[in-house]
N, C-alpha and C. Protein backbone atom coordinates (compact mmCIF):
# COMPACT_ATOMS: atom_id res chain seq x y z
N MET A 1 -35.72 -36.89 -199.13
CA MET A 1 -34.66 -37.02 -200.10
C MET A 1 -34.07 -35.64 -200.39
N VAL A 2 -32.78 -35.55 -200.41
CA VAL A 2 -32.06 -34.30 -200.65
C VAL A 2 -31.46 -34.36 -202.05
N ARG A 3 -31.68 -33.32 -202.83
CA ARG A 3 -31.18 -33.29 -204.20
C ARG A 3 -30.14 -32.19 -204.44
N ALA A 4 -29.76 -31.50 -203.37
CA ALA A 4 -28.78 -30.42 -203.49
C ALA A 4 -27.79 -30.52 -202.32
N PHE A 5 -26.52 -30.59 -202.67
CA PHE A 5 -25.48 -30.82 -201.67
C PHE A 5 -24.41 -29.74 -201.73
N ARG A 6 -23.78 -29.52 -200.56
CA ARG A 6 -22.56 -28.73 -200.52
C ARG A 6 -21.41 -29.65 -200.92
N LYS A 7 -20.32 -29.08 -201.36
CA LYS A 7 -19.17 -29.87 -201.79
C LYS A 7 -18.31 -30.34 -200.62
N ALA A 8 -18.69 -30.04 -199.40
CA ALA A 8 -17.90 -30.40 -198.22
C ALA A 8 -17.80 -31.92 -198.07
N PRO A 9 -16.62 -32.41 -197.72
CA PRO A 9 -16.44 -33.86 -197.58
C PRO A 9 -17.19 -34.44 -196.37
N VAL A 10 -17.41 -35.73 -196.42
CA VAL A 10 -18.02 -36.47 -195.31
C VAL A 10 -16.93 -37.34 -194.70
N ASP A 11 -16.75 -37.21 -193.40
CA ASP A 11 -15.73 -37.96 -192.69
C ASP A 11 -15.98 -39.47 -192.79
N ALA A 12 -14.92 -40.24 -192.99
CA ALA A 12 -15.03 -41.69 -193.13
C ALA A 12 -15.65 -42.34 -191.90
N LYS A 13 -15.36 -41.81 -190.70
CA LYS A 13 -15.94 -42.38 -189.48
C LYS A 13 -17.46 -42.16 -189.43
N LEU A 14 -17.91 -41.04 -189.95
CA LEU A 14 -19.35 -40.78 -189.99
C LEU A 14 -20.02 -41.74 -190.98
N LEU A 15 -19.38 -41.97 -192.10
CA LEU A 15 -19.91 -42.92 -193.07
C LEU A 15 -19.94 -44.33 -192.47
N ASP A 16 -18.87 -44.72 -191.77
CA ASP A 16 -18.85 -46.02 -191.09
C ASP A 16 -20.03 -46.14 -190.13
N ARG A 17 -20.31 -45.07 -189.42
CA ARG A 17 -21.40 -45.08 -188.43
C ARG A 17 -22.75 -45.34 -189.10
N ILE A 18 -23.02 -44.67 -190.20
CA ILE A 18 -24.33 -44.87 -190.83
C ILE A 18 -24.41 -46.23 -191.54
N VAL A 19 -23.30 -46.72 -192.07
CA VAL A 19 -23.30 -48.05 -192.67
C VAL A 19 -23.47 -49.11 -191.58
N ASP A 20 -22.86 -48.90 -190.42
CA ASP A 20 -23.05 -49.82 -189.30
C ASP A 20 -24.52 -49.89 -188.91
N LEU A 21 -25.17 -48.75 -188.85
CA LEU A 21 -26.60 -48.74 -188.54
C LEU A 21 -27.41 -49.44 -189.63
N ALA A 22 -27.05 -49.23 -190.88
CA ALA A 22 -27.75 -49.89 -191.99
C ALA A 22 -27.56 -51.40 -191.93
N SER A 23 -26.42 -51.85 -191.45
CA SER A 23 -26.14 -53.29 -191.40
C SER A 23 -27.03 -54.01 -190.38
N ARG A 24 -27.75 -53.27 -189.59
CA ARG A 24 -28.64 -53.86 -188.59
C ARG A 24 -30.07 -54.07 -189.11
N ALA A 25 -30.26 -53.79 -190.37
CA ALA A 25 -31.57 -54.01 -190.99
C ALA A 25 -31.88 -55.51 -191.02
N PRO A 26 -33.16 -55.87 -191.09
CA PRO A 26 -33.51 -57.30 -191.18
C PRO A 26 -32.82 -57.95 -192.38
N SER A 27 -32.45 -59.21 -192.20
CA SER A 27 -31.77 -59.94 -193.25
C SER A 27 -32.12 -61.42 -193.14
N ALA A 28 -32.60 -62.01 -194.22
CA ALA A 28 -32.98 -63.43 -194.22
C ALA A 28 -31.81 -64.29 -193.78
N GLY A 29 -32.00 -65.06 -192.72
CA GLY A 29 -30.94 -65.93 -192.23
C GLY A 29 -29.71 -65.18 -191.77
N LYS A 30 -29.86 -63.90 -191.53
CA LYS A 30 -28.74 -62.99 -191.21
C LYS A 30 -27.63 -63.13 -192.25
N THR A 31 -28.04 -63.28 -193.50
CA THR A 31 -27.09 -63.42 -194.60
C THR A 31 -26.33 -62.13 -194.84
N GLN A 32 -27.03 -61.01 -194.76
CA GLN A 32 -26.42 -59.70 -194.95
C GLN A 32 -25.68 -59.62 -196.29
N GLY A 33 -26.33 -60.08 -197.33
CA GLY A 33 -25.70 -60.16 -198.64
C GLY A 33 -25.83 -58.89 -199.46
N TRP A 34 -25.48 -57.78 -198.86
CA TRP A 34 -25.48 -56.52 -199.61
C TRP A 34 -24.13 -55.85 -199.46
N HIS A 35 -23.81 -55.03 -200.43
CA HIS A 35 -22.53 -54.32 -200.45
C HIS A 35 -22.78 -52.87 -200.84
N PHE A 36 -21.92 -52.01 -200.34
CA PHE A 36 -22.05 -50.57 -200.59
C PHE A 36 -20.73 -50.08 -201.16
N LEU A 37 -20.70 -49.89 -202.47
CA LEU A 37 -19.49 -49.41 -203.16
C LEU A 37 -19.46 -47.89 -203.06
N VAL A 38 -18.50 -47.37 -202.31
CA VAL A 38 -18.40 -45.93 -202.05
C VAL A 38 -17.47 -45.29 -203.08
N LEU A 39 -18.00 -44.29 -203.75
CA LEU A 39 -17.23 -43.52 -204.73
C LEU A 39 -17.05 -42.11 -204.21
N ARG A 40 -15.82 -41.63 -204.27
CA ARG A 40 -15.48 -40.27 -203.84
C ARG A 40 -14.60 -39.62 -204.90
N ASP A 41 -14.57 -38.30 -204.88
CA ASP A 41 -13.64 -37.51 -205.68
C ASP A 41 -13.67 -37.90 -207.16
N GLU A 42 -12.54 -38.34 -207.70
CA GLU A 42 -12.48 -38.65 -209.14
C GLU A 42 -13.38 -39.83 -209.50
N GLN A 43 -13.64 -40.72 -208.54
CA GLN A 43 -14.56 -41.83 -208.81
C GLN A 43 -16.00 -41.32 -208.95
N THR A 44 -16.37 -40.34 -208.14
CA THR A 44 -17.70 -39.73 -208.26
C THR A 44 -17.82 -39.03 -209.61
N ALA A 45 -16.79 -38.32 -210.00
CA ALA A 45 -16.79 -37.67 -211.31
C ALA A 45 -16.93 -38.70 -212.42
N LYS A 46 -16.25 -39.82 -212.29
CA LYS A 46 -16.34 -40.89 -213.29
C LYS A 46 -17.76 -41.47 -213.33
N PHE A 47 -18.37 -41.64 -212.15
CA PHE A 47 -19.75 -42.12 -212.10
C PHE A 47 -20.65 -41.21 -212.92
N TRP A 48 -20.54 -39.89 -212.70
CA TRP A 48 -21.40 -38.96 -213.44
C TRP A 48 -21.06 -38.94 -214.92
N ASP A 49 -19.78 -39.04 -215.27
CA ASP A 49 -19.40 -39.08 -216.68
C ASP A 49 -20.05 -40.25 -217.41
N ILE A 50 -20.17 -41.38 -216.71
CA ILE A 50 -20.77 -42.57 -217.31
C ILE A 50 -22.30 -42.50 -217.29
N SER A 51 -22.87 -42.15 -216.15
CA SER A 51 -24.34 -42.23 -216.00
C SER A 51 -25.08 -40.98 -216.47
N LEU A 52 -24.40 -39.85 -216.50
CA LEU A 52 -25.00 -38.60 -216.97
C LEU A 52 -23.93 -37.83 -217.75
N PRO A 53 -23.75 -38.20 -219.01
CA PRO A 53 -22.68 -37.58 -219.81
C PRO A 53 -22.77 -36.05 -219.83
N LYS A 54 -21.62 -35.42 -219.97
CA LYS A 54 -21.52 -33.96 -219.89
C LYS A 54 -22.47 -33.24 -220.84
N GLU A 55 -22.70 -33.78 -222.02
CA GLU A 55 -23.58 -33.10 -222.98
C GLU A 55 -25.04 -33.04 -222.50
N LYS A 56 -25.41 -33.86 -221.53
CA LYS A 56 -26.78 -33.84 -221.00
C LYS A 56 -26.91 -33.04 -219.70
N ARG A 57 -25.81 -32.62 -219.14
CA ARG A 57 -25.83 -32.00 -217.82
C ARG A 57 -26.45 -30.61 -217.79
N SER A 58 -26.32 -29.84 -218.86
CA SER A 58 -26.84 -28.47 -218.82
C SER A 58 -28.36 -28.45 -218.64
N SER A 59 -29.04 -29.51 -219.06
CA SER A 59 -30.50 -29.56 -218.91
C SER A 59 -30.92 -30.38 -217.69
N PHE A 60 -29.95 -30.85 -216.91
CA PHE A 60 -30.26 -31.66 -215.73
C PHE A 60 -30.88 -30.77 -214.66
N ARG A 61 -31.99 -31.18 -214.15
CA ARG A 61 -32.80 -30.37 -213.22
C ARG A 61 -32.11 -30.09 -211.89
N TRP A 62 -31.36 -31.05 -211.38
CA TRP A 62 -30.78 -30.91 -210.04
C TRP A 62 -29.26 -30.79 -210.13
N GLN A 63 -28.82 -29.63 -210.53
CA GLN A 63 -27.39 -29.39 -210.73
C GLN A 63 -26.55 -29.64 -209.47
N HIS A 64 -27.10 -29.30 -208.30
CA HIS A 64 -26.32 -29.47 -207.06
C HIS A 64 -26.29 -30.92 -206.56
N LEU A 65 -27.03 -31.80 -207.20
CA LEU A 65 -26.90 -33.22 -206.91
C LEU A 65 -25.50 -33.69 -207.33
N LEU A 66 -24.99 -33.08 -208.38
CA LEU A 66 -23.66 -33.44 -208.87
C LEU A 66 -22.55 -33.06 -207.89
N ASP A 67 -22.88 -32.26 -206.88
CA ASP A 67 -21.90 -31.84 -205.88
C ASP A 67 -21.80 -32.80 -204.70
N ALA A 68 -22.66 -33.81 -204.64
CA ALA A 68 -22.60 -34.77 -203.52
C ALA A 68 -21.20 -35.38 -203.47
N PRO A 69 -20.55 -35.33 -202.31
CA PRO A 69 -19.18 -35.86 -202.23
C PRO A 69 -19.10 -37.38 -202.28
N ILE A 70 -20.22 -38.05 -202.01
CA ILE A 70 -20.23 -39.52 -202.03
C ILE A 70 -21.39 -39.99 -202.90
N ILE A 71 -21.07 -40.92 -203.78
CA ILE A 71 -22.09 -41.70 -204.46
C ILE A 71 -21.82 -43.14 -204.04
N GLY A 72 -22.80 -43.75 -203.43
CA GLY A 72 -22.68 -45.15 -203.03
C GLY A 72 -23.56 -46.00 -203.93
N LEU A 73 -23.02 -47.08 -204.43
CA LEU A 73 -23.79 -48.02 -205.23
C LEU A 73 -24.13 -49.22 -204.37
N VAL A 74 -25.41 -49.52 -204.27
CA VAL A 74 -25.89 -50.63 -203.44
C VAL A 74 -26.04 -51.87 -204.32
N PHE A 75 -25.41 -52.94 -203.89
CA PHE A 75 -25.48 -54.20 -204.62
C PHE A 75 -25.98 -55.31 -203.70
N ALA A 76 -26.77 -56.22 -204.27
CA ALA A 76 -27.21 -57.41 -203.58
C ALA A 76 -26.51 -58.61 -204.20
N ASP A 77 -26.12 -59.57 -203.36
CA ASP A 77 -25.39 -60.75 -203.83
C ASP A 77 -26.24 -62.00 -203.66
N PRO A 78 -26.92 -62.45 -204.72
CA PRO A 78 -27.75 -63.65 -204.62
C PRO A 78 -26.96 -64.89 -204.18
N ASN A 79 -25.70 -64.99 -204.59
CA ASN A 79 -24.90 -66.16 -204.23
C ASN A 79 -24.65 -66.26 -202.73
N ALA A 80 -24.63 -65.13 -202.04
CA ALA A 80 -24.47 -65.16 -200.59
C ALA A 80 -25.64 -65.89 -199.94
N TYR A 81 -26.82 -65.79 -200.54
CA TYR A 81 -28.01 -66.45 -200.00
C TYR A 81 -27.98 -67.95 -200.30
N LEU A 82 -27.47 -68.31 -201.46
CA LEU A 82 -27.31 -69.73 -201.76
C LEU A 82 -26.32 -70.36 -200.78
N GLU A 83 -25.22 -69.67 -200.53
CA GLU A 83 -24.22 -70.18 -199.58
C GLU A 83 -24.80 -70.29 -198.17
N ARG A 84 -25.47 -69.24 -197.73
CA ARG A 84 -26.02 -69.24 -196.36
C ARG A 84 -27.06 -70.33 -196.19
N TYR A 85 -27.92 -70.51 -197.19
CA TYR A 85 -28.99 -71.49 -197.08
C TYR A 85 -28.54 -72.90 -197.45
N SER A 86 -27.25 -73.06 -197.71
CA SER A 86 -26.65 -74.38 -197.84
C SER A 86 -26.02 -74.83 -196.52
N GLU A 87 -25.90 -73.90 -195.58
CA GLU A 87 -25.33 -74.23 -194.27
C GLU A 87 -26.30 -75.14 -193.50
N SER A 88 -25.75 -75.89 -192.55
CA SER A 88 -26.51 -76.95 -191.88
C SER A 88 -27.82 -76.47 -191.24
N ASP A 89 -27.84 -75.29 -190.65
CA ASP A 89 -29.07 -74.84 -189.99
C ASP A 89 -30.16 -74.39 -190.96
N LYS A 90 -29.82 -74.23 -192.25
CA LYS A 90 -30.80 -73.78 -193.24
C LYS A 90 -30.98 -74.77 -194.39
N ALA A 91 -30.16 -75.81 -194.47
CA ALA A 91 -30.17 -76.72 -195.62
C ALA A 91 -31.52 -77.38 -195.85
N LYS A 92 -32.27 -77.66 -194.79
CA LYS A 92 -33.57 -78.35 -194.95
C LYS A 92 -34.56 -77.51 -195.76
N THR A 93 -34.32 -76.20 -195.88
CA THR A 93 -35.22 -75.34 -196.68
C THR A 93 -35.06 -75.59 -198.17
N LYS A 94 -33.92 -76.16 -198.56
CA LYS A 94 -33.56 -76.40 -199.96
C LYS A 94 -33.40 -75.10 -200.78
N LEU A 95 -33.35 -73.97 -200.10
CA LEU A 95 -33.17 -72.69 -200.78
C LEU A 95 -31.72 -72.47 -201.21
N GLY A 96 -30.82 -73.29 -200.70
CA GLY A 96 -29.42 -73.17 -201.08
C GLY A 96 -29.08 -73.88 -202.38
N GLU A 97 -30.06 -74.54 -202.96
CA GLU A 97 -29.81 -75.33 -204.16
C GLU A 97 -29.80 -74.50 -205.44
N ASN A 98 -30.69 -73.51 -205.52
CA ASN A 98 -30.81 -72.76 -206.77
C ASN A 98 -31.53 -71.44 -206.50
N ILE A 99 -31.13 -70.40 -207.18
CA ILE A 99 -31.78 -69.09 -207.03
C ILE A 99 -33.26 -69.18 -207.37
N SER A 100 -33.61 -70.02 -208.33
CA SER A 100 -35.02 -70.13 -208.72
C SER A 100 -35.87 -70.79 -207.64
N SER A 101 -35.25 -71.36 -206.61
CA SER A 101 -36.01 -71.95 -205.49
C SER A 101 -36.64 -70.89 -204.59
N TRP A 102 -36.15 -69.69 -204.69
CA TRP A 102 -36.62 -68.62 -203.81
C TRP A 102 -37.92 -68.01 -204.36
N PRO A 103 -39.02 -68.07 -203.59
CA PRO A 103 -40.26 -67.46 -204.08
C PRO A 103 -40.18 -65.93 -204.11
N THR A 104 -39.35 -65.38 -203.27
CA THR A 104 -39.09 -63.94 -203.22
C THR A 104 -37.58 -63.75 -203.20
N PRO A 105 -37.03 -62.86 -204.00
CA PRO A 105 -35.57 -62.65 -203.99
C PRO A 105 -35.14 -61.84 -202.75
N TYR A 106 -34.89 -62.54 -201.67
CA TYR A 106 -34.60 -61.85 -200.41
C TYR A 106 -33.30 -61.04 -200.45
N TRP A 107 -32.41 -61.33 -201.37
CA TRP A 107 -31.22 -60.49 -201.53
C TRP A 107 -31.65 -59.08 -201.92
N THR A 108 -32.68 -58.97 -202.77
CA THR A 108 -33.21 -57.66 -203.16
C THR A 108 -33.91 -57.00 -201.99
N VAL A 109 -34.73 -57.77 -201.29
CA VAL A 109 -35.46 -57.25 -200.13
C VAL A 109 -34.49 -56.75 -199.07
N ASP A 110 -33.53 -57.59 -198.73
CA ASP A 110 -32.59 -57.23 -197.66
C ASP A 110 -31.74 -56.01 -198.02
N ALA A 111 -31.26 -55.95 -199.25
CA ALA A 111 -30.47 -54.79 -199.67
C ALA A 111 -31.32 -53.53 -199.67
N SER A 112 -32.60 -53.68 -199.99
CA SER A 112 -33.51 -52.54 -199.97
C SER A 112 -33.77 -52.07 -198.54
N PHE A 113 -33.97 -53.02 -197.62
CA PHE A 113 -34.13 -52.66 -196.20
C PHE A 113 -32.89 -51.90 -195.71
N ALA A 114 -31.72 -52.44 -196.02
CA ALA A 114 -30.48 -51.81 -195.58
C ALA A 114 -30.32 -50.42 -196.17
N THR A 115 -30.72 -50.25 -197.42
CA THR A 115 -30.63 -48.95 -198.07
C THR A 115 -31.54 -47.94 -197.38
N MET A 116 -32.75 -48.37 -197.06
CA MET A 116 -33.68 -47.47 -196.37
C MET A 116 -33.11 -47.08 -195.00
N GLN A 117 -32.56 -48.05 -194.31
CA GLN A 117 -31.97 -47.76 -193.00
C GLN A 117 -30.78 -46.81 -193.14
N LEU A 118 -30.01 -46.97 -194.21
CA LEU A 118 -28.88 -46.08 -194.49
C LEU A 118 -29.38 -44.65 -194.69
N LEU A 119 -30.45 -44.49 -195.46
CA LEU A 119 -31.02 -43.16 -195.70
C LEU A 119 -31.47 -42.51 -194.39
N LEU A 120 -32.14 -43.29 -193.55
CA LEU A 120 -32.61 -42.76 -192.26
C LEU A 120 -31.44 -42.42 -191.34
N ALA A 121 -30.42 -43.27 -191.33
CA ALA A 121 -29.25 -43.02 -190.49
C ALA A 121 -28.52 -41.76 -190.94
N ALA A 122 -28.41 -41.56 -192.25
CA ALA A 122 -27.77 -40.35 -192.77
C ALA A 122 -28.54 -39.12 -192.30
N HIS A 123 -29.84 -39.17 -192.40
CA HIS A 123 -30.68 -38.04 -191.96
C HIS A 123 -30.49 -37.78 -190.47
N ASP A 124 -30.43 -38.84 -189.68
CA ASP A 124 -30.29 -38.69 -188.22
C ASP A 124 -29.01 -37.99 -187.80
N VAL A 125 -27.94 -38.11 -188.60
CA VAL A 125 -26.68 -37.46 -188.25
C VAL A 125 -26.52 -36.11 -188.95
N GLY A 126 -27.58 -35.66 -189.63
CA GLY A 126 -27.55 -34.34 -190.25
C GLY A 126 -27.11 -34.32 -191.71
N LEU A 127 -26.82 -35.48 -192.27
CA LEU A 127 -26.45 -35.55 -193.68
C LEU A 127 -27.69 -35.55 -194.55
N GLY A 128 -27.50 -35.22 -195.79
CA GLY A 128 -28.56 -35.38 -196.77
C GLY A 128 -28.27 -36.64 -197.56
N ALA A 129 -29.32 -37.27 -198.05
CA ALA A 129 -29.15 -38.47 -198.85
C ALA A 129 -30.28 -38.58 -199.86
N LEU A 130 -29.98 -39.21 -200.98
CA LEU A 130 -30.96 -39.41 -202.04
C LEU A 130 -30.72 -40.77 -202.66
N PHE A 131 -31.76 -41.59 -202.69
CA PHE A 131 -31.70 -42.85 -203.44
C PHE A 131 -32.20 -42.58 -204.85
N PHE A 132 -31.49 -43.10 -205.84
CA PHE A 132 -31.95 -42.94 -207.21
C PHE A 132 -31.50 -44.13 -208.05
N GLY A 133 -32.25 -44.38 -209.11
CA GLY A 133 -31.93 -45.48 -210.00
C GLY A 133 -30.78 -45.14 -210.92
N VAL A 134 -30.07 -46.15 -211.34
CA VAL A 134 -28.99 -46.00 -212.32
C VAL A 134 -29.53 -46.54 -213.64
N PHE A 135 -29.97 -45.64 -214.49
CA PHE A 135 -30.64 -46.03 -215.72
C PHE A 135 -29.73 -46.02 -216.94
N ASN A 136 -28.56 -45.45 -216.80
CA ASN A 136 -27.63 -45.36 -217.92
C ASN A 136 -26.24 -45.81 -217.50
N GLY A 137 -25.61 -46.62 -218.34
CA GLY A 137 -24.21 -46.95 -218.16
C GLY A 137 -23.89 -48.03 -217.15
N GLU A 138 -24.87 -48.86 -216.78
CA GLU A 138 -24.59 -49.86 -215.75
C GLU A 138 -23.43 -50.78 -216.15
N ASN A 139 -23.42 -51.27 -217.37
CA ASN A 139 -22.33 -52.17 -217.78
C ASN A 139 -20.98 -51.48 -217.72
N GLN A 140 -20.93 -50.24 -218.16
CA GLN A 140 -19.67 -49.49 -218.12
C GLN A 140 -19.23 -49.24 -216.67
N LEU A 141 -20.20 -48.96 -215.78
CA LEU A 141 -19.88 -48.78 -214.37
C LEU A 141 -19.32 -50.07 -213.77
N ARG A 142 -19.90 -51.19 -214.13
CA ARG A 142 -19.41 -52.48 -213.63
C ARG A 142 -17.96 -52.72 -214.05
N ILE A 143 -17.65 -52.38 -215.29
CA ILE A 143 -16.29 -52.55 -215.78
C ILE A 143 -15.34 -51.58 -215.05
N GLU A 144 -15.74 -50.31 -214.99
CA GLU A 144 -14.90 -49.28 -214.37
C GLU A 144 -14.57 -49.60 -212.91
N PHE A 145 -15.58 -50.09 -212.16
CA PHE A 145 -15.40 -50.29 -210.71
C PHE A 145 -15.27 -51.77 -210.33
N LYS A 146 -15.07 -52.62 -211.35
CA LYS A 146 -14.77 -54.04 -211.14
C LYS A 146 -15.85 -54.77 -210.33
N VAL A 147 -17.09 -54.65 -210.77
CA VAL A 147 -18.22 -55.29 -210.11
C VAL A 147 -18.67 -56.47 -210.98
N SER A 148 -18.74 -57.65 -210.39
CA SER A 148 -19.12 -58.84 -211.16
C SER A 148 -20.59 -58.80 -211.57
N GLU A 149 -20.89 -59.54 -212.61
CA GLU A 149 -22.25 -59.57 -213.16
C GLU A 149 -23.25 -60.19 -212.19
N GLN A 150 -22.79 -61.08 -211.31
CA GLN A 150 -23.71 -61.74 -210.37
C GLN A 150 -24.35 -60.75 -209.40
N MET A 151 -23.69 -59.64 -209.15
CA MET A 151 -24.19 -58.67 -208.18
C MET A 151 -25.34 -57.88 -208.80
N GLN A 152 -26.45 -57.81 -208.07
CA GLN A 152 -27.62 -57.07 -208.54
C GLN A 152 -27.50 -55.62 -208.08
N LEU A 153 -27.49 -54.70 -209.03
CA LEU A 153 -27.45 -53.28 -208.68
C LEU A 153 -28.85 -52.86 -208.24
N ILE A 154 -28.94 -52.40 -207.00
CA ILE A 154 -30.22 -51.93 -206.45
C ILE A 154 -30.43 -50.46 -206.83
N GLY A 155 -29.38 -49.66 -206.74
CA GLY A 155 -29.46 -48.25 -207.08
C GLY A 155 -28.29 -47.50 -206.48
N ALA A 156 -28.37 -46.19 -206.58
CA ALA A 156 -27.31 -45.31 -206.08
C ALA A 156 -27.84 -44.47 -204.93
N VAL A 157 -26.94 -44.09 -204.04
CA VAL A 157 -27.27 -43.20 -202.93
C VAL A 157 -26.25 -42.06 -202.94
N ALA A 158 -26.76 -40.85 -203.12
CA ALA A 158 -25.92 -39.66 -202.97
C ALA A 158 -25.93 -39.28 -201.50
N ILE A 159 -24.77 -38.99 -200.95
CA ILE A 159 -24.65 -38.62 -199.53
C ILE A 159 -23.76 -37.40 -199.42
N GLY A 160 -24.18 -36.47 -198.57
CA GLY A 160 -23.38 -35.27 -198.32
C GLY A 160 -24.12 -34.31 -197.41
N TRP A 161 -23.53 -33.16 -197.26
CA TRP A 161 -24.14 -32.11 -196.43
C TRP A 161 -25.12 -31.33 -197.30
N PRO A 162 -26.38 -31.23 -196.87
CA PRO A 162 -27.38 -30.57 -197.72
C PRO A 162 -27.17 -29.07 -197.81
N LEU A 163 -27.55 -28.54 -198.97
CA LEU A 163 -27.65 -27.09 -199.13
C LEU A 163 -28.87 -26.62 -198.36
N ALA A 164 -28.97 -25.34 -198.11
CA ALA A 164 -30.13 -24.78 -197.43
C ALA A 164 -31.41 -25.19 -198.16
N GLU A 165 -32.45 -25.44 -197.41
CA GLU A 165 -33.73 -25.91 -197.96
C GLU A 165 -34.26 -25.02 -199.08
N LYS A 166 -34.04 -23.72 -199.00
CA LYS A 166 -34.58 -22.79 -199.99
C LYS A 166 -33.98 -23.01 -201.39
N THR A 167 -32.82 -23.65 -201.44
CA THR A 167 -32.15 -23.81 -202.73
C THR A 167 -32.53 -25.10 -203.44
N THR A 168 -33.38 -25.92 -202.83
CA THR A 168 -33.67 -27.22 -203.43
C THR A 168 -35.06 -27.25 -204.05
N ASP A 169 -35.15 -27.95 -205.15
CA ASP A 169 -36.41 -28.18 -205.85
C ASP A 169 -36.86 -29.59 -205.47
N ARG A 170 -38.07 -29.70 -204.98
CA ARG A 170 -38.55 -30.99 -204.48
C ARG A 170 -38.95 -31.95 -205.59
N GLY A 171 -39.22 -31.48 -206.76
CA GLY A 171 -39.61 -32.37 -207.85
C GLY A 171 -41.11 -32.58 -207.91
N ALA A 172 -41.58 -33.00 -209.07
CA ALA A 172 -43.02 -33.15 -209.32
C ALA A 172 -43.64 -34.24 -208.45
N SER A 173 -42.93 -35.32 -208.20
CA SER A 173 -43.50 -36.43 -207.42
C SER A 173 -43.86 -36.02 -206.00
N ALA A 174 -43.13 -35.06 -205.44
CA ALA A 174 -43.41 -34.62 -204.07
C ALA A 174 -44.78 -33.98 -203.94
N LYS A 175 -45.35 -33.54 -205.05
CA LYS A 175 -46.67 -32.91 -205.02
C LYS A 175 -47.81 -33.93 -205.00
N ARG A 176 -47.49 -35.18 -205.27
CA ARG A 176 -48.53 -36.21 -205.24
C ARG A 176 -48.99 -36.45 -203.82
N ALA A 177 -50.28 -36.67 -203.66
CA ALA A 177 -50.84 -36.93 -202.34
C ALA A 177 -50.34 -38.27 -201.80
N ARG A 178 -50.11 -38.31 -200.50
CA ARG A 178 -49.72 -39.56 -199.86
C ARG A 178 -50.99 -40.37 -199.63
N ARG A 179 -50.90 -41.67 -199.90
CA ARG A 179 -52.06 -42.54 -199.68
C ARG A 179 -52.42 -42.59 -198.20
N LYS A 180 -53.69 -42.65 -197.93
CA LYS A 180 -54.20 -42.73 -196.56
C LYS A 180 -54.12 -44.18 -196.10
N PRO A 181 -54.01 -44.39 -194.77
CA PRO A 181 -54.01 -45.78 -194.27
C PRO A 181 -55.22 -46.57 -194.77
N SER A 182 -56.36 -45.94 -194.89
CA SER A 182 -57.56 -46.64 -195.36
C SER A 182 -57.43 -47.14 -196.80
N GLU A 183 -56.50 -46.56 -197.56
CA GLU A 183 -56.25 -47.00 -198.94
C GLU A 183 -55.20 -48.11 -199.00
N ILE A 184 -54.52 -48.32 -197.90
CA ILE A 184 -53.43 -49.29 -197.83
C ILE A 184 -53.83 -50.56 -197.08
N ILE A 185 -54.58 -50.36 -195.99
CA ILE A 185 -54.95 -51.49 -195.13
C ILE A 185 -56.11 -52.26 -195.74
N HIS A 186 -55.96 -53.59 -195.77
CA HIS A 186 -57.03 -54.48 -196.23
C HIS A 186 -57.28 -55.47 -195.10
N GLU A 187 -58.43 -55.39 -194.48
CA GLU A 187 -58.78 -56.26 -193.36
C GLU A 187 -59.33 -57.58 -193.87
N GLY A 188 -58.57 -58.64 -193.75
CA GLY A 188 -59.04 -59.98 -194.07
C GLY A 188 -59.04 -60.37 -195.53
N SER A 189 -59.20 -59.42 -196.46
CA SER A 189 -59.15 -59.72 -197.88
C SER A 189 -58.98 -58.43 -198.66
N PHE A 190 -58.76 -58.56 -199.95
CA PHE A 190 -58.60 -57.38 -200.81
C PHE A 190 -59.93 -56.87 -201.33
N SER A 191 -61.01 -57.59 -201.12
CA SER A 191 -62.29 -57.13 -201.67
C SER A 191 -63.04 -56.23 -200.71
């Protein structure tokens, strides 16, 4: 994850390329019910004004995160899954009848897979990217950017050209030890 960006723009064709790669992530029934709202320039400034008001910015730890030329908001559309699973090849599952029929919200899963693939694709082309939660101003952002309430906000992705590694602070979480496979793998049961 990159938390410090140069202000240099990202070409639209490069963004198309990484979104195309992200669109190849697994998707239940190939529903592909995720959307990527791209904010640039004054829209990016508006995003920060809403989610991180100016009076809080002087104490913000990652000042160069605010320089990312693109903020993308990832949304999942549960209704796309109802529509897809109402189609003839999926209707027998009865998952097209009601959102509560789904034991797992695959719109969330699929949008998360696509987001991870987007992050990896950005890295592969030399861009920096950071996934982060939107904890402030979601309702105001929905109004500002005309996003319906049905859409589930997964989070935000900052995308841009990274600053030199020496200028970035990795954050406290990066110091936590990574779990070993032996702590993750459970052979046959959890006991």
